Amino acid sequence: AGIRYFDTAPHYGAGLAERRLGDFLTGSGRPRTEY
């Protein structure tokens, strides 16, 4: 949908949110400058 800003925190899901977001962003090879 064009969303490129993602907010997370250790608090959310006791770390799950950070892991799942990281898996999505880094696992697909998306350029770091795009988000």
Full PDB file with SEQRES, HELIX, SHEET, SSBOND, CRYST1, ORIGX, SCALE, CONECT and MASTER records, all heavy atoms in Angstrom:
SEQRES   1 A   35  ALA GLY ILE ARG TYR PHE ASP THR ALA PRO HIS TYR GLY          
SEQRES   2 A   35  ALA GLY LEU ALA GLU ARG ARG LEU GLY ASP PHE LEU THR          
SEQRES   3 A   35  GLY SER GLY ARG PRO ARG THR GLU TYR                          
HELIX    1 AA1 TYR A   12  GLY A   15  5                                   4    
HELIX    2 AA2 LEU A   16  GLY A   27  1                                  12    
HELIX    3 AA3 ARG A   32  GLU A   34  5                                   3    
CRYST1    1.000    1.000    1.000  90.00  90.00  90.00 P 1           1          
ORIGX1      1.000000  0.000000  0.000000        0.00000                         
ORIGX2      0.000000  1.000000  0.000000        0.00000                         
ORIGX3      0.000000  0.000000  1.000000        0.00000                         
SCALE1      1.000000  0.000000  0.000000        0.00000                         
SCALE2      0.000000  1.000000  0.000000        0.00000                         
SCALE3      0.000000  0.000000  1.000000        0.00000                         
ATOM      1  N   ALA A   1       0.817  -1.215   0.000  1.00  0.00           N  
ATOM      2  CA  ALA A   1       0.000   0.000   0.000  1.00  0.00           C  
ATOM      3  C   ALA A   1       0.851   1.266   0.000  1.00  0.00           C  
ATOM      4  O   ALA A   1       0.314   2.370  -0.053  1.00  0.00           O  
ATOM      5  CB  ALA A   1      -0.919   0.007   1.212  1.00  0.00           C  
ATOM      6  N   GLY A   2       2.168   1.117   0.081  1.00  0.00           N  
ATOM      7  CA  GLY A   2       3.055   2.274   0.054  1.00  0.00           C  
ATOM      8  C   GLY A   2       3.513   2.750   1.412  1.00  0.00           C  
ATOM      9  O   GLY A   2       4.192   3.777   1.515  1.00  0.00           O  
ATOM     10  N   ILE A   3       3.150   2.033   2.468  1.00  0.00           N  
ATOM     11  CA  ILE A   3       3.566   2.432   3.818  1.00  0.00           C  
ATOM     12  C   ILE A   3       5.040   2.106   4.010  1.00  0.00           C  
ATOM     13  O   ILE A   3       5.477   0.983   3.746  1.00  0.00           O  
ATOM     14  CB  ILE A   3       2.702   1.715   4.876  1.00  0.00           C  
ATOM     15  CG1 ILE A   3       1.260   2.215   4.757  1.00  0.00           C  
ATOM     16  CG2 ILE A   3       3.249   1.945   6.284  1.00  0.00           C  
ATOM     17  CD1 ILE A   3       0.255   1.397   5.536  1.00  0.00           C  
ATOM     18  N   ARG A   4       5.790   3.086   4.505  1.00  0.00           N  
ATOM     19  CA  ARG A   4       7.233   2.903   4.659  1.00  0.00           C  
ATOM     20  C   ARG A   4       7.738   3.290   6.056  1.00  0.00           C  
ATOM     21  O   ARG A   4       8.946   3.277   6.290  1.00  0.00           O  
ATOM     22  CB  ARG A   4       7.991   3.731   3.605  1.00  0.00           C  
ATOM     23  CG  ARG A   4       7.750   3.279   2.168  1.00  0.00           C  
ATOM     24  CD  ARG A   4       8.314   1.898   1.908  1.00  0.00           C  
ATOM     25  NE  ARG A   4       8.150   1.477   0.532  1.00  0.00           N  
ATOM     26  CZ  ARG A   4       7.095   0.808   0.070  1.00  0.00           C  
ATOM     27  NH1 ARG A   4       6.102   0.500   0.907  1.00  0.00           N  
ATOM     28  NH2 ARG A   4       7.011   0.453  -1.190  1.00  0.00           N  
ATOM     29  N   TYR A   5       6.827   3.669   6.940  1.00  0.00           N  
ATOM     30  CA  TYR A   5       7.217   3.949   8.328  1.00  0.00           C  
ATOM     31  C   TYR A   5       6.594   2.910   9.229  1.00  0.00           C  
ATOM     32  O   TYR A   5       5.381   2.676   9.186  1.00  0.00           O  
ATOM     33  CB  TYR A   5       6.779   5.361   8.750  1.00  0.00           C  
ATOM     34  CG  TYR A   5       6.896   5.602  10.246  1.00  0.00           C  
ATOM     35  CD1 TYR A   5       8.079   5.299  10.926  1.00  0.00           C  
ATOM     36  CD2 TYR A   5       5.832   6.110  10.975  1.00  0.00           C  
ATOM     37  CE1 TYR A   5       8.178   5.489  12.297  1.00  0.00           C  
ATOM     38  CE2 TYR A   5       5.931   6.317  12.345  1.00  0.00           C  
ATOM     39  CZ  TYR A   5       7.113   6.005  12.997  1.00  0.00           C  
ATOM     40  OH  TYR A   5       7.208   6.173  14.355  1.00  0.00           O  
ATOM     41  N   PHE A   6       7.420   2.270  10.061  1.00  0.00           N  
ATOM     42  CA  PHE A   6       6.969   1.214  10.959  1.00  0.00           C  
ATOM     43  C   PHE A   6       7.442   1.527  12.376  1.00  0.00           C  
ATOM     44  O   PHE A   6       8.618   1.823  12.593  1.00  0.00           O  
ATOM     45  CB  PHE A   6       7.524  -0.139  10.511  1.00  0.00           C  
ATOM     46  CG  PHE A   6       7.154  -0.498   9.099  1.00  0.00           C  
ATOM     47  CD1 PHE A   6       7.975  -0.153   8.035  1.00  0.00           C  
ATOM     48  CD2 PHE A   6       5.978  -1.177   8.830  1.00  0.00           C  
ATOM     49  CE1 PHE A   6       7.632  -0.470   6.729  1.00  0.00           C  
ATOM     50  CE2 PHE A   6       5.622  -1.505   7.528  1.00  0.00           C  
ATOM     51  CZ  PHE A   6       6.450  -1.155   6.473  1.00  0.00           C  
ATOM     52  N   ASP A   7       6.513   1.449  13.329  1.00  0.00           N  
ATOM     53  CA  ASP A   7       6.820   1.730  14.732  1.00  0.00           C  
ATOM     54  C   ASP A   7       6.705   0.447  15.541  1.00  0.00           C  
ATOM     55  O   ASP A   7       5.739  -0.303  15.396  1.00  0.00           O  
ATOM     56  CB  ASP A   7       5.847   2.780  15.277  1.00  0.00           C  
ATOM     57  CG  ASP A   7       6.046   3.010  16.770  1.00  0.00           C  
ATOM     58  OD1 ASP A   7       7.121   3.520  17.149  1.00  0.00           O  
ATOM     59  OD2 ASP A   7       5.143   2.664  17.543  1.00  0.00           O  
ATOM     60  N   THR A   8       7.667   0.193  16.399  1.00  0.00           N  
ATOM     61  CA  THR A   8       7.656  -1.010  17.211  1.00  0.00           C  
ATOM     62  C   THR A   8       8.217  -0.692  18.589  1.00  0.00           C  
ATOM     63  O   THR A   8       8.491   0.460  18.908  1.00  0.00           O  
ATOM     64  CB  THR A   8       8.445  -2.141  16.518  1.00  0.00           C  
ATOM     65  OG1 THR A   8       8.302  -3.353  17.265  1.00  0.00           O  
ATOM     66  CG2 THR A   8       9.920  -1.788  16.361  1.00  0.00           C  
ATOM     67  N   ALA A   9       8.388  -1.718  19.429  1.00  0.00           N  
ATOM     68  CA  ALA A   9       8.928  -1.540  20.777  1.00  0.00           C  
ATOM     69  C   ALA A   9       9.167  -2.901  21.404  1.00  0.00           C  
ATOM     70  O   ALA A   9       8.459  -3.866  21.088  1.00  0.00           O  
ATOM     71  CB  ALA A   9       7.960  -0.734  21.652  1.00  0.00           C  
ATOM     72  N   PRO A  10      10.131  -3.004  22.322  1.00  0.00           N  
ATOM     73  CA  PRO A  10      10.300  -4.258  23.066  1.00  0.00           C  
ATOM     74  C   PRO A  10       9.016  -4.657  23.801  1.00  0.00           C  
ATOM     75  O   PRO A  10       8.724  -5.839  23.963  1.00  0.00           O  
ATOM     76  CB  PRO A  10      11.427  -3.933  24.052  1.00  0.00           C  
ATOM     77  CG  PRO A  10      12.185  -2.820  23.410  1.00  0.00           C  
ATOM     78  CD  PRO A  10      11.155  -2.008  22.678  1.00  0.00           C  
ATOM     79  N   HIS A  11       8.272  -3.672  24.267  1.00  0.00           N  
ATOM     80  CA  HIS A  11       7.050  -3.904  25.040  1.00  0.00           C  
ATOM     81  C   HIS A  11       6.028  -4.725  24.258  1.00  0.00           C  
ATOM     82  O   HIS A  11       5.280  -5.516  24.833  1.00  0.00           O  
ATOM     83  CB  HIS A  11       6.469  -2.542  25.426  1.00  0.00           C  
ATOM     84  CG  HIS A  11       5.238  -2.597  26.269  1.00  0.00           C  
ATOM     85  ND1 HIS A  11       5.034  -3.523  27.270  1.00  0.00           N  
ATOM     86  CD2 HIS A  11       4.117  -1.811  26.253  1.00  0.00           C  
ATOM     87  CE1 HIS A  11       3.860  -3.310  27.846  1.00  0.00           C  
ATOM     88  NE2 HIS A  11       3.285  -2.282  27.240  1.00  0.00           N  
ATOM     89  N   TYR A  12       5.965  -4.537  22.943  1.00  0.00           N  
ATOM     90  CA  TYR A  12       4.925  -5.153  22.140  1.00  0.00           C  
ATOM     91  C   TYR A  12       5.228  -6.628  21.906  1.00  0.00           C  
ATOM     92  O   TYR A  12       6.153  -6.983  21.174  1.00  0.00           O  
ATOM     93  CB  TYR A  12       4.762  -4.421  20.813  1.00  0.00           C  
ATOM     94  CG  TYR A  12       4.545  -2.927  20.953  1.00  0.00           C  
ATOM     95  CD1 TYR A  12       4.966  -2.046  19.974  1.00  0.00           C  
ATOM     96  CD2 TYR A  12       3.918  -2.398  22.083  1.00  0.00           C  
ATOM     97  CE1 TYR A  12       4.768  -0.680  20.094  1.00  0.00           C  
ATOM     98  CE2 TYR A  12       3.717  -1.038  22.218  1.00  0.00           C  
ATOM     99  CZ  TYR A  12       4.146  -0.179  21.226  1.00  0.00           C  
ATOM    100  OH  TYR A  12       3.961   1.170  21.352  1.00  0.00           O  
ATOM    101  N   GLY A  13       4.425  -7.472  22.549  1.00  0.00           N  
ATOM    102  CA  GLY A  13       4.629  -8.898  22.407  1.00  0.00           C  
ATOM    103  C   GLY A  13       5.908  -9.399  23.036  1.00  0.00           C  
ATOM    104  O   GLY A  13       6.406 -10.464  22.662  1.00  0.00           O  
ATOM    105  N   ALA A  14       6.445  -8.662  24.012  1.00  0.00           N  
ATOM    106  CA  ALA A  14       7.692  -9.054  24.677  1.00  0.00           C  
ATOM    107  C   ALA A  14       8.759  -9.417  23.656  1.00  0.00           C  
ATOM    108  O   ALA A  14       9.400 -10.465  23.732  1.00  0.00           O  
ATOM    109  CB  ALA A  14       7.440 -10.211  25.639  1.00  0.00           C  
ATOM    110  N   GLY A  15       8.959  -8.522  22.693  1.00  0.00           N  
ATOM    111  CA  GLY A  15      10.000  -8.715  21.693  1.00  0.00           C  
ATOM    112  C   GLY A  15       9.520  -9.295  20.381  1.00  0.00           C  
ATOM    113  O   GLY A  15      10.218  -9.192  19.361  1.00  0.00           O  
ATOM    114  N   LEU A  16       8.335  -9.899  20.367  1.00  0.00           N  
ATOM    115  CA  LEU A  16       7.835 -10.514  19.138  1.00  0.00           C  
ATOM    116  C   LEU A  16       7.666  -9.494  18.008  1.00  0.00           C  
ATOM    117  O   LEU A  16       7.963  -9.786  16.849  1.00  0.00           O  
ATOM    118  CB  LEU A  16       6.491 -11.198  19.397  1.00  0.00           C  
ATOM    119  CG  LEU A  16       6.513 -12.658  19.843  1.00  0.00           C  
ATOM    120  CD1 LEU A  16       5.085 -13.151  20.063  1.00  0.00           C  
ATOM    121  CD2 LEU A  16       7.220 -13.524  18.820  1.00  0.00           C  
ATOM    122  N   ALA A  17       7.158  -8.320  18.336  1.00  0.00           N  
ATOM    123  CA  ALA A  17       6.910  -7.319  17.300  1.00  0.00           C  
ATOM    124  C   ALA A  17       8.208  -6.931  16.604  1.00  0.00           C  
ATOM    125  O   ALA A  17       8.259  -6.808  15.378  1.00  0.00           O  
ATOM    126  CB  ALA A  17       6.243  -6.086  17.898  1.00  0.00           C  
ATOM    127  N   GLU A  18       9.274  -6.724  17.371  1.00  0.00           N  
ATOM    128  CA  GLU A  18      10.555  -6.359  16.768  1.00  0.00           C  
ATOM    129  C   GLU A  18      11.091  -7.486  15.900  1.00  0.00           C  
ATOM    130  O   GLU A  18      11.615  -7.257  14.804  1.00  0.00           O  
ATOM    131  CB  GLU A  18      11.571  -5.994  17.852  1.00  0.00           C  
ATOM    132  CG  GLU A  18      11.243  -4.680  18.557  1.00  0.00           C  
ATOM    133  CD  GLU A  18      12.286  -4.304  19.593  1.00  0.00           C  
ATOM    134  OE1 GLU A  18      12.804  -5.213  20.285  1.00  0.00           O  
ATOM    135  OE2 GLU A  18      12.581  -3.094  19.723  1.00  0.00           O  
ATOM    136  N   ARG A  19      10.966  -8.730  16.377  1.00  0.00           N  
ATOM    137  CA  ARG A  19      11.485  -9.853  15.593  1.00  0.00           C  
ATOM    138  C   ARG A  19      10.712 -10.025  14.290  1.00  0.00           C  
ATOM    139  O   ARG A  19      11.302 -10.226  13.224  1.00  0.00           O  
ATOM    140  CB  ARG A  19      11.426 -11.138  16.424  1.00  0.00           C  
ATOM    141  CG  ARG A  19      12.494 -11.207  17.504  1.00  0.00           C  
ATOM    142  CD  ARG A  19      12.774 -12.648  17.917  1.00  0.00           C  
ATOM    143  NE  ARG A  19      11.619 -13.249  18.582  1.00  0.00           N  
ATOM    144  CZ  ARG A  19      11.381 -13.130  19.885  1.00  0.00           C  
ATOM    145  NH1 ARG A  19      12.181 -12.406  20.641  1.00  0.00           N  
ATOM    146  NH2 ARG A  19      10.335 -13.729  20.419  1.00  0.00           N  
ATOM    147  N   ARG A  20       9.403  -9.950  14.377  1.00  0.00           N  
ATOM    148  CA  ARG A  20       8.598 -10.158  13.173  1.00  0.00           C  
ATOM    149  C   ARG A  20       8.767  -9.024  12.165  1.00  0.00           C  
ATOM    150  O   ARG A  20       8.820  -9.261  10.954  1.00  0.00           O  
ATOM    151  CB  ARG A  20       7.128 -10.334  13.559  1.00  0.00           C  
ATOM    152  CG  ARG A  20       6.888 -11.658  14.271  1.00  0.00           C  
ATOM    153  CD  ARG A  20       5.476 -11.783  14.805  1.00  0.00           C  
ATOM    154  NE  ARG A  20       5.240 -13.124  15.345  1.00  0.00           N  
ATOM    155  CZ  ARG A  20       4.168 -13.484  16.016  1.00  0.00           C  
ATOM    156  NH1 ARG A  20       3.216 -12.582  16.272  1.00  0.00           N  
ATOM    157  NH2 ARG A  20       4.024 -14.712  16.462  1.00  0.00           N  
ATOM    158  N   LEU A  21       8.861  -7.807  12.665  1.00  0.00           N  
ATOM    159  CA  LEU A  21       9.106  -6.684  11.759  1.00  0.00           C  
ATOM    160  C   LEU A  21      10.477  -6.824  11.104  1.00  0.00           C  
ATOM    161  O   LEU A  21      10.623  -6.628   9.896  1.00  0.00           O  
ATOM    162  CB  LEU A  21       9.017  -5.361  12.519  1.00  0.00           C  
ATOM    163  CG  LEU A  21       9.332  -4.098  11.710  1.00  0.00           C  
ATOM    164  CD1 LEU A  21       8.371  -3.941  10.544  1.00  0.00           C  
ATOM    165  CD2 LEU A  21       9.302  -2.861  12.603  1.00  0.00           C  
ATOM    166  N   GLY A  22      11.487  -7.169  11.912  1.00  0.00           N  
ATOM    167  CA  GLY A  22      12.825  -7.341  11.364  1.00  0.00           C  
ATOM    168  C   GLY A  22      12.892  -8.458  10.340  1.00  0.00           C  
ATOM    169  O   GLY A  22      13.547  -8.323   9.292  1.00  0.00           O  
ATOM    170  N   ASP A  23      12.218  -9.574  10.619  1.00  0.00           N  
ATOM    171  CA  ASP A  23      12.183 -10.681   9.658  1.00  0.00           C  
ATOM    172  C   ASP A  23      11.624 -10.218   8.324  1.00  0.00           C  
ATOM    173  O   ASP A  23      12.136 -10.572   7.252  1.00  0.00           O  
ATOM    174  CB  ASP A  23      11.324 -11.832  10.189  1.00  0.00           C  
ATOM    175  CG  ASP A  23      11.994 -12.595  11.324  1.00  0.00           C  
ATOM    176  OD1 ASP A  23      13.222 -12.427  11.511  1.00  0.00           O  
ATOM    177  OD2 ASP A  23      11.290 -13.340  12.020  1.00  0.00           O  
ATOM    178  N   PHE A  24      10.573  -9.416   8.387  1.00  0.00           N  
ATOM    179  CA  PHE A  24       9.935  -8.942   7.155  1.00  0.00           C  
ATOM    180  C   PHE A  24      10.842  -7.987   6.385  1.00  0.00           C  
ATOM    181  O   PHE A  24      11.016  -8.120   5.175  1.00  0.00           O  
ATOM    182  CB  PHE A  24       8.612  -8.248   7.479  1.00  0.00           C  
ATOM    183  CG  PHE A  24       7.964  -7.613   6.284  1.00  0.00           C  
ATOM    184  CD1 PHE A  24       7.261  -8.383   5.371  1.00  0.00           C  
ATOM    185  CD2 PHE A  24       8.074  -6.257   6.060  1.00  0.00           C  
ATOM    186  CE1 PHE A  24       6.666  -7.807   4.251  1.00  0.00           C  
ATOM    187  CE2 PHE A  24       7.484  -5.661   4.956  1.00  0.00           C  
ATOM    188  CZ  PHE A  24       6.777  -6.446   4.044  1.00  0.00           C  
ATOM    189  N   LEU A  25      11.433  -7.041   7.082  1.00  0.00           N  
ATOM    190  CA  LEU A  25      12.217  -6.008   6.400  1.00  0.00           C  
ATOM    191  C   LEU A  25      13.561  -6.523   5.906  1.00  0.00           C  
ATOM    192  O   LEU A  25      14.002  -6.169   4.814  1.00  0.00           O  
ATOM    193  CB  LEU A  25      12.420  -4.817   7.340  1.00  0.00           C  
ATOM    194  CG  LEU A  25      11.162  -4.026   7.693  1.00  0.00           C  
ATOM    195  CD1 LEU A  25      11.484  -2.973   8.743  1.00  0.00           C  
ATOM    196  CD2 LEU A  25      10.541  -3.383   6.455  1.00  0.00           C  
ATOM    197  N   THR A  26      14.211  -7.341   6.700  1.00  0.00           N  
ATOM    198  CA  THR A  26      15.552  -7.797   6.316  1.00  0.00           C  
ATOM    199  C   THR A  26      15.521  -9.080   5.498  1.00  0.00           C  
ATOM    200  O   THR A  26      16.406  -9.306   4.669  1.00  0.00           O  
ATOM    201  CB  THR A  26      16.428  -8.030   7.558  1.00  0.00           C  
ATOM    202  OG1 THR A  26      15.864  -9.080   8.362  1.00  0.00           O  
ATOM    203  CG2 THR A  26      16.530  -6.761   8.390  1.00  0.00           C  
ATOM    204  N   GLY A  27      14.516  -9.912   5.714  1.00  0.00           N  
ATOM    205  CA  GLY A  27      14.473 -11.190   5.018  1.00  0.00           C  
ATOM    206  C   GLY A  27      14.151 -11.079   3.548  1.00  0.00           C  
ATOM    207  O   GLY A  27      14.410 -12.006   2.768  1.00  0.00           O  
ATOM    208  N   SER A  28      13.588  -9.958   3.145  1.00  0.00           N  
ATOM    209  CA  SER A  28      13.189  -9.784   1.746  1.00  0.00           C  
ATOM    210  C   SER A  28      14.199  -8.987   0.942  1.00  0.00           C  
ATOM    211  O   SER A  28      13.999  -8.756  -0.251  1.00  0.00           O  
ATOM    212  CB  SER A  28      11.841  -9.070   1.694  1.00  0.00           C  
ATOM    213  OG  SER A  28      11.938  -7.828   2.374  1.00  0.00           O  
ATOM    214  N   GLY A  29      15.257  -8.530   1.606  1.00  0.00           N  
ATOM    215  CA  GLY A  29      16.273  -7.767   0.891  1.00  0.00           C  
ATOM    216  C   GLY A  29      15.847  -6.369   0.502  1.00  0.00           C  
ATOM    217  O   GLY A  29      16.412  -5.779  -0.424  1.00  0.00           O  
ATOM    218  N   ARG A  30      14.856  -5.815   1.204  1.00  0.00           N  
ATOM    219  CA  ARG A  30      14.432  -4.446   0.879  1.00  0.00           C  
ATOM    220  C   ARG A  30      15.533  -3.459   1.242  1.00  0.00           C  
ATOM    221  O   ARG A  30      16.069  -3.516   2.347  1.00  0.00           O  
ATOM    222  CB  ARG A  30      13.143  -4.111   1.632  1.00  0.00           C  
ATOM    223  CG  ARG A  30      11.941  -4.905   1.152  1.00  0.00           C  
ATOM    224  CD  ARG A  30      10.692  -4.576   1.948  1.00  0.00           C  
ATOM    225  NE  ARG A  30       9.528  -5.234   1.359  1.00  0.00           N  
ATOM    226  CZ  ARG A  30       9.172  -6.492   1.595  1.00  0.00           C  
ATOM    227  NH1 ARG A  30       9.892  -7.218   2.460  1.00  0.00           N  
ATOM    228  NH2 ARG A  30       8.124  -7.029   1.011  1.00  0.00           N  
ATOM    229  N   PRO A  31      15.848  -2.523   0.360  1.00  0.00           N  
ATOM    230  CA  PRO A  31      16.911  -1.551   0.652  1.00  0.00           C  
ATOM    231  C   PRO A  31      16.616  -0.763   1.931  1.00  0.00           C  
ATOM    232  O   PRO A  31      15.494  -0.286   2.118  1.00  0.00           O  
ATOM    233  CB  PRO A  31      16.901  -0.642  -0.580  1.00  0.00           C  
ATOM    234  CG  PRO A  31      16.310  -1.487  -1.666  1.00  0.00           C  
ATOM    235  CD  PRO A  31      15.292  -2.351  -0.987  1.00  0.00           C  
ATOM    236  N   ARG A  32      17.615  -0.638   2.783  1.00  0.00           N  
ATOM    237  CA  ARG A  32      17.424   0.039   4.067  1.00  0.00           C  
ATOM    238  C   ARG A  32      17.021   1.492   3.890  1.00  0.00           C  
ATOM    239  O   ARG A  32      16.379   2.081   4.775  1.00  0.00           O  
ATOM    240  CB  ARG A  32      18.710  -0.062   4.897  1.00  0.00           C  
ATOM    241  CG  ARG A  32      18.604   0.547   6.297  1.00  0.00           C  
ATOM    242  CD  ARG A  32      17.577  -0.204   7.130  1.00  0.00           C  
ATOM    243  NE  ARG A  32      17.421   0.364   8.466  1.00  0.00           N  
ATOM    244  CZ  ARG A  32      16.624   1.379   8.749  1.00  0.00           C  
ATOM    245  NH1 ARG A  32      15.893   1.958   7.783  1.00  0.00           N  
ATOM    246  NH2 ARG A  32      16.513   1.829   9.987  1.00  0.00           N  
ATOM    247  N   THR A  33      17.359   2.100   2.788  1.00  0.00           N  
ATOM    248  CA  THR A  33      17.033   3.511   2.566  1.00  0.00           C  
ATOM    249  C   THR A  33      15.569   3.723   2.199  1.00  0.00           C  
ATOM    250  O   THR A  33      15.107   4.864   2.154  1.00  0.00           O  
ATOM    251  CB  THR A  33      17.902   4.086   1.444  1.00  0.00           C  
ATOM    252  OG1 THR A  33      17.746   3.278   0.260  1.00  0.00           O  
ATOM    253  CG2 THR A  33      19.372   4.112   1.846  1.00  0.00           C  
ATOM    254  N   GLU A  34      14.831   2.643   1.986  1.00  0.00           N  
ATOM    255  CA  GLU A  34      13.450   2.774   1.525  1.00  0.00           C  
ATOM    256  C   GLU A  34      12.433   2.821   2.662  1.00  0.00           C  
ATOM    257  O   GLU A  34      11.254   3.066   2.420  1.00  0.00           O  
ATOM    258  CB  GLU A  34      13.097   1.630   0.567  1.00  0.00           C  
ATOM    259  CG  GLU A  34      13.773   1.735  -0.783  1.00  0.00           C  
ATOM    260  CD  GLU A  34      13.195   0.737  -1.783  1.00  0.00           C  
ATOM    261  OE1 GLU A  34      12.149   0.113  -1.473  1.00  0.00           O  
ATOM    262  OE2 GLU A  34      13.800   0.579  -2.854  1.00  0.00           O  
ATOM    263  N   TYR A  35      12.858   2.547   3.897  1.00  0.00           N  
ATOM    264  CA  TYR A  35      11.897   2.538   4.988  1.00  0.00           C  
ATOM    265  C   TYR A  35      12.491   3.163   6.241  1.00  0.00           C  
ATOM    266  O   TYR A  35      13.702   3.291   6.386  1.00  0.00           O  
ATOM    267  CB  TYR A  35      11.414   1.116   5.286  1.00  0.00           C  
ATOM    268  CG  TYR A  35      12.502   0.123   5.605  1.00  0.00           C  
ATOM    269  CD1 TYR A  35      13.022  -0.009   6.891  1.00  0.00           C  
ATOM    270  CD2 TYR A  35      13.024  -0.702   4.607  1.00  0.00           C  
ATOM    271  CE1 TYR A  35      14.023  -0.921   7.185  1.00  0.00           C  
ATOM    272  CE2 TYR A  35      14.027  -1.626   4.881  1.00  0.00           C  
ATOM    273  CZ  TYR A  35      14.521  -1.731   6.172  1.00  0.00           C  
ATOM    274  OH  TYR A  35      15.509  -2.625   6.456  1.00  0.00           O  
TER     275      TYR A  35                                                      
MASTER        0    0    0    3    0    0    0    6  274    1    0    3          
END                                                                             
